[in-house]
Amino acid sequence: MKQQFWLDCWTNTRLGFHQDELQPLMVEHFPNLVNATDNRIFVPLCGKTADMLFFAERFKVIGNELSGIACHDFFEDNNLLANVKERNGFTIFEQGNIELHQGDFFALDGKQFQAFDWIYDRAAIIAFPAGMRREYVQHLKNFMTAETRIFLLTLEFPEDEMKGPPFSVNENEVRQLFKSYKVIKQAERDLTGQKFARIKLPLSSLQEILYIISTE
C-alpha cells in the first residue's frame, strides 16, 4: 500500500482498523509468555493502540507510526503530555515508558535501539499486500537479536471475498517468511460474523491467528 493511503485514513478519520479495546489474544497469552528479565518491546505500525499502555506498565515501549495524527491522538486520548523532538529524520513523541517514532518504518534503523525482548505485530503484516510483506519482514529482522521473540497476529479468510487491507496471511506464508526461525502457532480465534477492530468484514470465514516466532 502507498503511504498516502494510510495518511489519508488518519486525515479523514477512516479508522476501521483501530481497535478500541485491548487485543484479546494479547491479554490472554502475552503475560504467560514473558520472562522475568524481559523489559523492552517494539511495536511497528502502532497507530494509537491502547495495547501500548498495557505494555508500558512493565516495558519500555518503542513504537513506529507513519501518521503524526495517530501519534498525537495516542497521547491526547490517554491524557498524556508528550515531549516532542526531532532525531534522525523522525519526530519522536515521548512520555514515561512510551516512545513513538513517527515516520517511514522502512527508513527506521533498528540498530539504533537497545535490544528488544519482544516485537508486537497486531496488524502490521496484514496491512501489506503480498508483494510488500517480504520486504516488511526483512526489515523487521533488523530489530531482532537472538533473544527477540515476535508476537504475531494474522488474519485468514477467503482472499477472493475481499480486497484488503486487511489482507489474509496464511500459515504457510508465515512459515515461508520466517523460514529460518522457530514458528509456533499459539492460538486461534474465530471472528466469523464478528467485528475485526471497528468493522464487520463481509466474509464467510474469518480466523485470527497468533504465532510466536523466535530464533531458537
C-alpha atoms as a PDB file:
ATOM      1  CA  MET A   1       0.000   0.000   0.000  1.00  0.00           C
ATOM      2  CA  LYS A   2       1.177   3.515  -0.739  1.00  0.00           C
ATOM      3  CA  GLN A   3       1.941   5.590   2.333  1.00  0.00           C
ATOM      4  CA  GLN A   4      -0.575   8.222   1.262  1.00  0.00           C
ATOM      5  CA  PHE A   5      -3.392   5.661   1.658  1.00  0.00           C
ATOM      6  CA  TRP A   6      -2.696   5.368   5.403  1.00  0.00           C
ATOM      7  CA  LEU A   7      -2.082   9.073   5.863  1.00  0.00           C
ATOM      8  CA  ASP A   8      -5.448   9.759   4.231  1.00  0.00           C
ATOM      9  CA  CYS A   9      -7.119   7.258   6.577  1.00  0.00           C
ATOM     10  CA  TRP A  10      -5.933   9.250   9.589  1.00  0.00           C
ATOM     11  CA  THR A  11      -6.666  12.623   7.999  1.00  0.00           C
ATOM     12  CA  ASN A  12     -10.204  11.583   7.075  1.00  0.00           C
ATOM     13  CA  THR A  13     -10.797   9.533  10.253  1.00  0.00           C
ATOM     14  CA  ARG A  14     -11.275   6.273   8.352  1.00  0.00           C
ATOM     15  CA  LEU A  15     -10.129   4.202  11.299  1.00  0.00           C
ATOM     16  CA  GLY A  16     -11.987   0.926  10.944  1.00  0.00           C
ATOM     17  CA  PHE A  17      -8.692  -0.858  11.594  1.00  0.00           C
ATOM     18  CA  HIS A  18      -8.260   0.767  15.020  1.00  0.00           C
ATOM     19  CA  GLN A  19      -9.173  -1.490  17.935  1.00  0.00           C
ATOM     20  CA  ASP A  20     -10.565   0.466  20.874  1.00  0.00           C
ATOM     21  CA  GLU A  21     -10.181  -2.292  23.460  1.00  0.00           C
ATOM     22  CA  LEU A  22      -7.101  -4.291  24.359  1.00  0.00           C
ATOM     23  CA  GLN A  23      -6.337  -7.120  21.940  1.00  0.00           C
ATOM     24  CA  PRO A  24      -7.971 -10.246  23.466  1.00  0.00           C
ATOM     25  CA  LEU A  25      -5.335 -12.781  22.404  1.00  0.00           C
ATOM     26  CA  MET A  26      -2.619 -10.470  23.674  1.00  0.00           C
ATOM     27  CA  VAL A  27      -4.302 -10.107  27.074  1.00  0.00           C
ATOM     28  CA  GLU A  28      -4.830 -13.859  27.336  1.00  0.00           C
ATOM     29  CA  HIS A  29      -1.424 -15.114  26.186  1.00  0.00           C
ATOM     30  CA  PHE A  30       1.247 -12.436  26.458  1.00  0.00           C
ATOM     31  CA  PRO A  31       1.581 -12.332  30.276  1.00  0.00           C
ATOM     32  CA  ASN A  32       2.212 -16.089  30.356  1.00  0.00           C
ATOM     33  CA  LEU A  33       4.996 -15.842  27.768  1.00  0.00           C
ATOM     34  CA  VAL A  34       7.025 -13.061  29.340  1.00  0.00           C
ATOM     35  CA  ASN A  35      10.325 -13.867  31.018  1.00  0.00           C
ATOM     36  CA  ALA A  36      11.253 -12.164  34.286  1.00  0.00           C
ATOM     37  CA  THR A  37      14.065 -10.247  32.577  1.00  0.00           C
ATOM     38  CA  ASP A  38      12.027  -9.007  29.581  1.00  0.00           C
ATOM     39  CA  ASN A  39      11.724  -5.221  29.584  1.00  0.00           C
ATOM     40  CA  ARG A  40      11.766  -3.842  26.030  1.00  0.00           C
ATOM     41  CA  ILE A  41       9.196  -4.179  23.241  1.00  0.00           C
ATOM     42  CA  PHE A  42       8.949  -2.769  19.703  1.00  0.00           C
ATOM     43  CA  VAL A  43       5.556  -2.073  18.100  1.00  0.00           C
ATOM     44  CA  PRO A  44       5.749  -1.467  14.322  1.00  0.00           C
ATOM     45  CA  LEU A  45       2.899   0.405  12.617  1.00  0.00           C
ATOM     46  CA  CYS A  46       1.499   1.033  16.084  1.00  0.00           C
ATOM     47  CA  GLY A  47      -1.238   3.534  15.273  1.00  0.00           C
ATOM     48  CA  LYS A  48      -2.717   4.672  18.570  1.00  0.00           C
ATOM     49  CA  THR A  49      -3.341   1.224  20.025  1.00  0.00           C
ATOM     50  CA  ALA A  50      -4.105   1.120  23.745  1.00  0.00           C
ATOM     51  CA  ASP A  51      -2.064  -2.080  23.902  1.00  0.00           C
ATOM     52  CA  MET A  52       0.979   0.153  24.333  1.00  0.00           C
ATOM     53  CA  LEU A  53      -0.369   1.347  27.686  1.00  0.00           C
ATOM     54  CA  PHE A  54      -0.686  -2.285  28.758  1.00  0.00           C
ATOM     55  CA  PHE A  55       2.923  -2.975  27.830  1.00  0.00           C
ATOM     56  CA  ALA A  56       4.183   0.258  29.398  1.00  0.00           C
ATOM     57  CA  GLU A  57       3.251  -0.966  32.862  1.00  0.00           C
ATOM     58  CA  ARG A  58       6.465  -3.017  32.841  1.00  0.00           C
ATOM     59  CA  PHE A  59       8.171  -2.490  29.470  1.00  0.00           C
ATOM     60  CA  LYS A  60       9.981   0.263  27.655  1.00  0.00           C
ATOM     61  CA  VAL A  61       7.778   0.614  24.574  1.00  0.00           C
ATOM     62  CA  ILE A  62       9.209   1.819  21.261  1.00  0.00           C
ATOM     63  CA  GLY A  63       6.547   2.334  18.625  1.00  0.00           C
ATOM     64  CA  ASN A  64       6.742   3.316  14.990  1.00  0.00           C
ATOM     65  CA  GLU A  65       3.895   5.034  13.193  1.00  0.00           C
ATOM     66  CA  LEU A  66       3.717   6.822   9.844  1.00  0.00           C
ATOM     67  CA  SER A  67       0.998   9.284  10.840  1.00  0.00           C
ATOM     68  CA  GLY A  68       1.690  12.239  13.079  1.00  0.00           C
ATOM     69  CA  ILE A  69      -2.063  12.467  13.745  1.00  0.00           C
ATOM     70  CA  ALA A  70      -2.020   8.937  15.203  1.00  0.00           C
ATOM     71  CA  CYS A  71       0.925   9.735  17.469  1.00  0.00           C
ATOM     72  CA  HIS A  72      -0.640  12.971  18.669  1.00  0.00           C
ATOM     73  CA  ASP A  73      -4.015  11.287  19.255  1.00  0.00           C
ATOM     74  CA  PHE A  74      -2.480   8.437  21.252  1.00  0.00           C
ATOM     75  CA  PHE A  75      -1.181  10.815  23.890  1.00  0.00           C
ATOM     76  CA  GLU A  76      -4.204  13.114  23.812  1.00  0.00           C
ATOM     77  CA  ASP A  77      -6.714  10.239  24.035  1.00  0.00           C
ATOM     78  CA  ASN A  78      -4.902   8.901  27.093  1.00  0.00           C
ATOM     79  CA  ASN A  79      -4.486  12.301  28.790  1.00  0.00           C
ATOM     80  CA  LEU A  80      -0.712  12.167  28.452  1.00  0.00           C
ATOM     81  CA  LEU A  81       1.509  15.129  27.645  1.00  0.00           C
ATOM     82  CA  ALA A  82       4.164  14.123  25.139  1.00  0.00           C
ATOM     83  CA  ASN A  83       7.613  15.593  24.844  1.00  0.00           C
ATOM     84  CA  VAL A  84       8.221  16.060  21.116  1.00  0.00           C
ATOM     85  CA  LYS A  85      11.631  16.224  19.465  1.00  0.00           C
ATOM     86  CA  GLU A  86      13.293  15.541  16.128  1.00  0.00           C
ATOM     87  CA  ARG A  87      16.010  12.925  15.637  1.00  0.00           C
ATOM     88  CA  ASN A  88      17.409  11.087  12.619  1.00  0.00           C
ATOM     89  CA  GLY A  89      14.618  12.352  10.375  1.00  0.00           C
ATOM     90  CA  PHE A  90      11.852  11.183  12.733  1.00  0.00           C
ATOM     91  CA  THR A  91       9.546  13.086  15.042  1.00  0.00           C
ATOM     92  CA  ILE A  92       9.664  11.429  18.446  1.00  0.00           C
ATOM     93  CA  PHE A  93       6.742  11.613  20.875  1.00  0.00           C
ATOM     94  CA  GLU A  94       7.816  10.544  24.350  1.00  0.00           C
ATOM     95  CA  GLN A  95       6.300  10.210  27.802  1.00  0.00           C
ATOM     96  CA  GLY A  96       7.293   7.794  30.550  1.00  0.00           C
ATOM     97  CA  ASN A  97       7.914   4.313  29.156  1.00  0.00           C
ATOM     98  CA  ILE A  98       6.453   5.092  25.731  1.00  0.00           C
ATOM     99  CA  GLU A  99       8.420   6.479  22.799  1.00  0.00           C
ATOM    100  CA  LEU A 100       6.799   6.772  19.360  1.00  0.00           C
ATOM    101  CA  HIS A 101       8.958   7.370  16.296  1.00  0.00           C
ATOM    102  CA  GLN A 102       6.792   8.994  13.655  1.00  0.00           C
ATOM    103  CA  GLY A 103       7.918   8.358  10.092  1.00  0.00           C
ATOM    104  CA  ASP A 104       8.511   5.681   7.465  1.00  0.00           C
ATOM    105  CA  PHE A 105       9.064   2.233   9.006  1.00  0.00           C
ATOM    106  CA  PHE A 106      11.434   1.272   6.198  1.00  0.00           C
ATOM    107  CA  ALA A 107      13.648   4.266   6.996  1.00  0.00           C
ATOM    108  CA  LEU A 108      13.864   3.443  10.715  1.00  0.00           C
ATOM    109  CA  ASP A 109      17.204   1.934  11.709  1.00  0.00           C
ATOM    110  CA  GLY A 110      16.627  -0.975  14.092  1.00  0.00           C
ATOM    111  CA  LYS A 111      20.277  -0.995  15.094  1.00  0.00           C
ATOM    112  CA  GLN A 112      19.990   2.390  16.835  1.00  0.00           C
ATOM    113  CA  PHE A 113      17.973   0.830  19.652  1.00  0.00           C
ATOM    114  CA  GLN A 114      18.929  -1.356  22.565  1.00  0.00           C
ATOM    115  CA  ALA A 115      17.975  -4.996  22.064  1.00  0.00           C
ATOM    116  CA  PHE A 116      14.264  -5.765  22.131  1.00  0.00           C
ATOM    117  CA  ASP A 117      12.883  -8.744  24.017  1.00  0.00           C
ATOM    118  CA  TRP A 118       9.655  -8.638  22.021  1.00  0.00           C
ATOM    119  CA  ILE A 119       8.211  -7.328  18.782  1.00  0.00           C
ATOM    120  CA  TYR A 120       4.441  -6.920  18.826  1.00  0.00           C
ATOM    121  CA  ASP A 121       2.725  -7.087  15.433  1.00  0.00           C
ATOM    122  CA  ARG A 122      -1.009  -6.670  15.953  1.00  0.00           C
ATOM    123  CA  ALA A 123      -1.990  -5.523  12.477  1.00  0.00           C
ATOM    124  CA  ALA A 124       1.198  -4.622  10.627  1.00  0.00           C
ATOM    125  CA  ILE A 125       1.880  -7.642   8.432  1.00  0.00           C
ATOM    126  CA  ILE A 126      -1.785  -7.851   7.406  1.00  0.00           C
ATOM    127  CA  ALA A 127      -1.668  -4.198   6.322  1.00  0.00           C
ATOM    128  CA  PHE A 128       0.723  -5.025   3.466  1.00  0.00           C
ATOM    129  CA  PRO A 129      -0.199  -6.655   0.140  1.00  0.00           C
ATOM    130  CA  ALA A 130       1.652  -9.834  -0.771  1.00  0.00           C
ATOM    131  CA  GLY A 131       4.342  -8.045  -2.733  1.00  0.00           C
ATOM    132  CA  MET A 132       5.368  -5.939   0.264  1.00  0.00           C
ATOM    133  CA  ARG A 133       5.163  -8.493   3.065  1.00  0.00           C
ATOM    134  CA  ARG A 134       8.566  -9.998   2.361  1.00  0.00           C
ATOM    135  CA  GLU A 135      10.132  -6.530   2.360  1.00  0.00           C
ATOM    136  CA  TYR A 136       8.395  -5.780   5.660  1.00  0.00           C
ATOM    137  CA  VAL A 137       9.651  -8.979   7.310  1.00  0.00           C
ATOM    138  CA  GLN A 138      13.189  -8.473   6.032  1.00  0.00           C
ATOM    139  CA  HIS A 139      13.307  -5.001   7.555  1.00  0.00           C
ATOM    140  CA  LEU A 140      11.660  -6.204  10.763  1.00  0.00           C
ATOM    141  CA  LYS A 141      14.547  -8.620  11.277  1.00  0.00           C
ATOM    142  CA  ASN A 142      16.827  -5.588  11.760  1.00  0.00           C
ATOM    143  CA  PHE A 143      15.056  -5.045  15.084  1.00  0.00           C
ATOM    144  CA  MET A 144      15.777  -8.584  16.284  1.00  0.00           C
ATOM    145  CA  THR A 145      18.585 -10.222  18.197  1.00  0.00           C
ATOM    146  CA  ALA A 146      18.977 -13.906  19.009  1.00  0.00           C
ATOM    147  CA  GLU A 147      16.772 -13.404  22.083  1.00  0.00           C
ATOM    148  CA  THR A 148      13.946 -11.423  20.474  1.00  0.00           C
ATOM    149  CA  ARG A 149      10.529 -13.032  20.103  1.00  0.00           C
ATOM    150  CA  ILE A 150       7.719 -11.843  17.835  1.00  0.00           C
ATOM    151  CA  PHE A 151       4.099 -11.840  18.977  1.00  0.00           C
ATOM    152  CA  LEU A 152       2.484 -12.001  15.524  1.00  0.00           C
ATOM    153  CA  LEU A 153      -1.246 -11.742  14.857  1.00  0.00           C
ATOM    154  CA  THR A 154      -2.640 -12.514  11.407  1.00  0.00           C
ATOM    155  CA  LEU A 155      -5.991 -12.974   9.718  1.00  0.00           C
ATOM    156  CA  GLU A 156      -7.056 -15.827   7.456  1.00  0.00           C
ATOM    157  CA  PHE A 157     -10.080 -15.569   5.163  1.00  0.00           C
ATOM    158  CA  PRO A 158     -11.061 -16.447   1.569  1.00  0.00           C
ATOM    159  CA  GLU A 159      -8.972 -13.995  -0.421  1.00  0.00           C
ATOM    160  CA  ASP A 160     -11.428 -13.844  -3.314  1.00  0.00           C
ATOM    161  CA  GLU A 161     -14.096 -12.418  -0.997  1.00  0.00           C
ATOM    162  CA  MET A 162     -12.333  -9.167  -0.101  1.00  0.00           C
ATOM    163  CA  LYS A 163      -9.632  -6.907  -1.421  1.00  0.00           C
ATOM    164  CA  GLY A 164      -7.587  -5.717   1.548  1.00  0.00           C
ATOM    165  CA  PRO A 165      -6.366  -4.185   3.673  1.00  0.00           C
ATOM    166  CA  PRO A 166      -6.514  -6.078   5.915  1.00  0.00           C
ATOM    167  CA  PHE A 167      -5.055  -8.942   3.889  1.00  0.00           C
ATOM    168  CA  SER A 168      -5.234 -12.645   4.542  1.00  0.00           C
ATOM    169  CA  VAL A 169      -1.858 -14.135   5.554  1.00  0.00           C
ATOM    170  CA  ASN A 170      -1.992 -17.900   5.905  1.00  0.00           C
ATOM    171  CA  GLU A 171       0.191 -20.200   7.976  1.00  0.00           C
ATOM    172  CA  ASN A 172       2.236 -21.434   5.041  1.00  0.00           C
ATOM    173  CA  GLU A 173       3.190 -17.868   4.122  1.00  0.00           C
ATOM    174  CA  VAL A 174       4.138 -17.041   7.721  1.00  0.00           C
ATOM    175  CA  ARG A 175       6.413 -20.080   7.829  1.00  0.00           C
ATOM    176  CA  GLN A 176       7.975 -19.152   4.489  1.00  0.00           C
ATOM    177  CA  LEU A 177       8.578 -15.551   5.524  1.00  0.00           C
ATOM    178  CA  PHE A 178      10.228 -16.753   8.738  1.00  0.00           C
ATOM    179  CA  LYS A 179      11.652 -19.990   7.358  1.00  0.00           C
ATOM    180  CA  SER A 180      14.911 -19.757   9.306  1.00  0.00           C
ATOM    181  CA  TYR A 181      13.020 -19.125  12.561  1.00  0.00           C
ATOM    182  CA  LYS A 182      11.022 -21.206  15.006  1.00  0.00           C
ATOM    183  CA  VAL A 183       7.321 -20.576  14.361  1.00  0.00           C
ATOM    184  CA  ILE A 184       4.745 -21.741  16.918  1.00  0.00           C
ATOM    185  CA  LYS A 185       1.042 -21.455  16.190  1.00  0.00           C
ATOM    186  CA  GLN A 186      -0.032 -20.403  19.671  1.00  0.00           C
ATOM    187  CA  ALA A 187      -3.769 -19.731  19.404  1.00  0.00           C
ATOM    188  CA  GLU A 188      -6.685 -19.137  17.070  1.00  0.00           C
ATOM    189  CA  ARG A 189      -9.860 -17.089  17.405  1.00  0.00           C
ATOM    190  CA  ASP A 190     -12.944 -17.444  15.215  1.00  0.00           C
ATOM    191  CA  LEU A 191     -14.174 -13.979  14.198  1.00  0.00           C
ATOM    192  CA  THR A 192     -16.659 -15.144  11.572  1.00  0.00           C
ATOM    193  CA  GLY A 193     -19.673 -12.843  11.717  1.00  0.00           C
ATOM    194  CA  GLN A 194     -17.972 -10.652  14.331  1.00  0.00           C
ATOM    195  CA  LYS A 195     -16.138  -7.375  14.135  1.00  0.00           C
ATOM    196  CA  PHE A 196     -12.439  -7.108  13.412  1.00  0.00           C
ATOM    197  CA  ALA A 197     -11.412  -3.939  15.243  1.00  0.00           C
ATOM    198  CA  ARG A 198     -14.209  -1.448  14.451  1.00  0.00           C
ATOM    199  CA  ILE A 199     -15.558  -3.080  11.307  1.00  0.00           C
ATOM    200  CA  LYS A 200     -17.527  -6.170  10.374  1.00  0.00           C
ATOM    201  CA  LEU A 201     -15.918  -7.626   7.270  1.00  0.00           C
ATOM    202  CA  PRO A 202     -18.122  -9.214   4.557  1.00  0.00           C
ATOM    203  CA  LEU A 203     -16.517 -12.655   4.810  1.00  0.00           C
ATOM    204  CA  SER A 204     -17.858 -16.205   5.011  1.00  0.00           C
ATOM    205  CA  SER A 205     -14.960 -17.166   7.291  1.00  0.00           C
ATOM    206  CA  LEU A 206     -12.539 -15.112   9.382  1.00  0.00           C
ATOM    207  CA  GLN A 207      -9.881 -16.503  11.698  1.00  0.00           C
ATOM    208  CA  GLU A 208      -7.406 -14.571  13.814  1.00  0.00           C
ATOM    209  CA  ILE A 209      -4.167 -16.488  14.403  1.00  0.00           C
ATOM    210  CA  LEU A 210      -1.440 -15.900  16.966  1.00  0.00           C
ATOM    211  CA  TYR A 211       2.123 -17.023  16.243  1.00  0.00           C
ATOM    212  CA  ILE A 212       5.159 -16.815  18.476  1.00  0.00           C
ATOM    213  CA  ILE A 213       8.331 -16.509  16.422  1.00  0.00           C
ATOM    214  CA  SER A 214      11.870 -16.838  17.731  1.00  0.00           C
ATOM    215  CA  THR A 215      15.387 -17.734  16.622  1.00  0.00           C
ATOM    216  CA  GLU A 216      15.590 -20.714  18.994  1.00  0.00           C
END
